[in-house]
Protein backbone atom coordinates (compact mmCIF):
# COMPACT_ATOMS: atom_id res chain seq x y z
CA UNK A 1 10.53 26.84 -78.68
CA UNK A 2 8.08 29.90 -79.30
CA UNK A 3 9.98 31.20 -82.15
CA UNK A 4 10.19 27.98 -83.85
CA UNK A 5 6.47 27.81 -83.52
CA UNK A 6 5.74 31.05 -84.94
CA UNK A 7 8.28 30.56 -87.56
CA UNK A 8 6.28 27.10 -88.87
CA UNK A 9 2.77 29.21 -88.55
CA UNK A 10 3.91 31.33 -91.43
CA UNK A 11 3.60 30.97 -95.19
CA UNK A 12 6.31 29.68 -97.25
CA UNK A 13 6.76 33.68 -98.29
CA UNK A 14 6.51 34.87 -94.86
CA UNK A 15 9.41 32.54 -93.73
CA UNK A 16 11.45 33.68 -96.55
CA UNK A 17 10.92 37.25 -95.65
CA UNK A 18 11.57 36.57 -92.03
CA UNK A 19 14.69 34.91 -92.74
CA UNK A 20 15.95 37.76 -94.82
CA UNK A 21 15.24 40.00 -91.75
CA UNK A 22 17.19 37.65 -89.21
CA UNK A 23 20.36 38.20 -87.98
CA UNK A 24 22.91 35.23 -87.68
CA UNK A 25 21.96 34.43 -83.97
CA UNK A 26 18.16 34.29 -84.53
CA UNK A 27 18.64 31.90 -87.59
CA UNK A 28 21.02 29.67 -85.79
CA UNK A 29 18.48 29.42 -83.11
CA UNK A 30 16.02 28.23 -85.58
CA UNK A 31 18.11 25.88 -87.00
CA UNK A 32 19.16 24.37 -83.66
CA UNK A 33 15.57 23.84 -82.93
CA UNK A 34 14.93 21.98 -86.07
CA UNK A 35 17.83 19.83 -85.17
CA UNK A 36 16.25 18.87 -81.92
CA UNK A 37 13.23 18.20 -83.34
CA UNK A 38 14.45 15.97 -86.26
CA UNK A 39 16.52 13.88 -83.62
CA UNK A 40 13.77 13.31 -81.21
CA UNK A 41 11.80 11.94 -84.44
CA UNK A 42 14.65 9.96 -85.64
CA UNK A 43 15.07 8.30 -82.02
CA UNK A 44 11.50 7.43 -81.85
CA UNK A 45 11.63 5.94 -85.43
CA UNK A 46 14.96 3.86 -84.41
CA UNK A 47 12.92 2.50 -81.41
CA UNK A 48 10.07 1.38 -83.41
CA UNK A 49 12.10 -0.20 -86.08
CA UNK A 50 14.14 -2.11 -83.19
CA UNK A 51 11.01 -3.29 -81.55
CA UNK A 52 9.68 -4.39 -84.89
CA UNK A 53 12.76 -6.49 -85.84
CA UNK A 54 12.84 -7.82 -82.39
CA UNK A 55 9.12 -8.90 -82.42
CA UNK A 56 9.79 -10.78 -85.93
CA UNK A 57 12.97 -12.32 -84.65
CA UNK A 58 10.83 -13.80 -81.59
CA UNK A 59 8.20 -14.97 -83.97
CA UNK A 60 10.53 -16.60 -86.01
CA UNK A 61 12.41 -18.72 -82.91
CA UNK A 62 8.91 -19.72 -81.75
CA UNK A 63 8.20 -21.17 -84.89
CA UNK A 64 11.57 -22.98 -85.06
CA UNK A 65 11.19 -24.05 -81.60
CA UNK A 66 7.80 -25.57 -82.22
CA UNK A 67 9.06 -27.30 -85.43
CA UNK A 68 11.72 -29.37 -83.40
């Protein structure tokens, strides 16, 4: 995780230069860390959307139940 934090703290030019200096193993390590970060963000967003949709459905069901 430290490697990704250092990489993200660099300017774009510094990242390009660092990438040019990295071997395949180091590049792969960076890519794996980015993939883990994106996965956790996607999972959080999916939970939020699911909760939001369920909340809207419950409100619609309540409205329908009070109409009858």
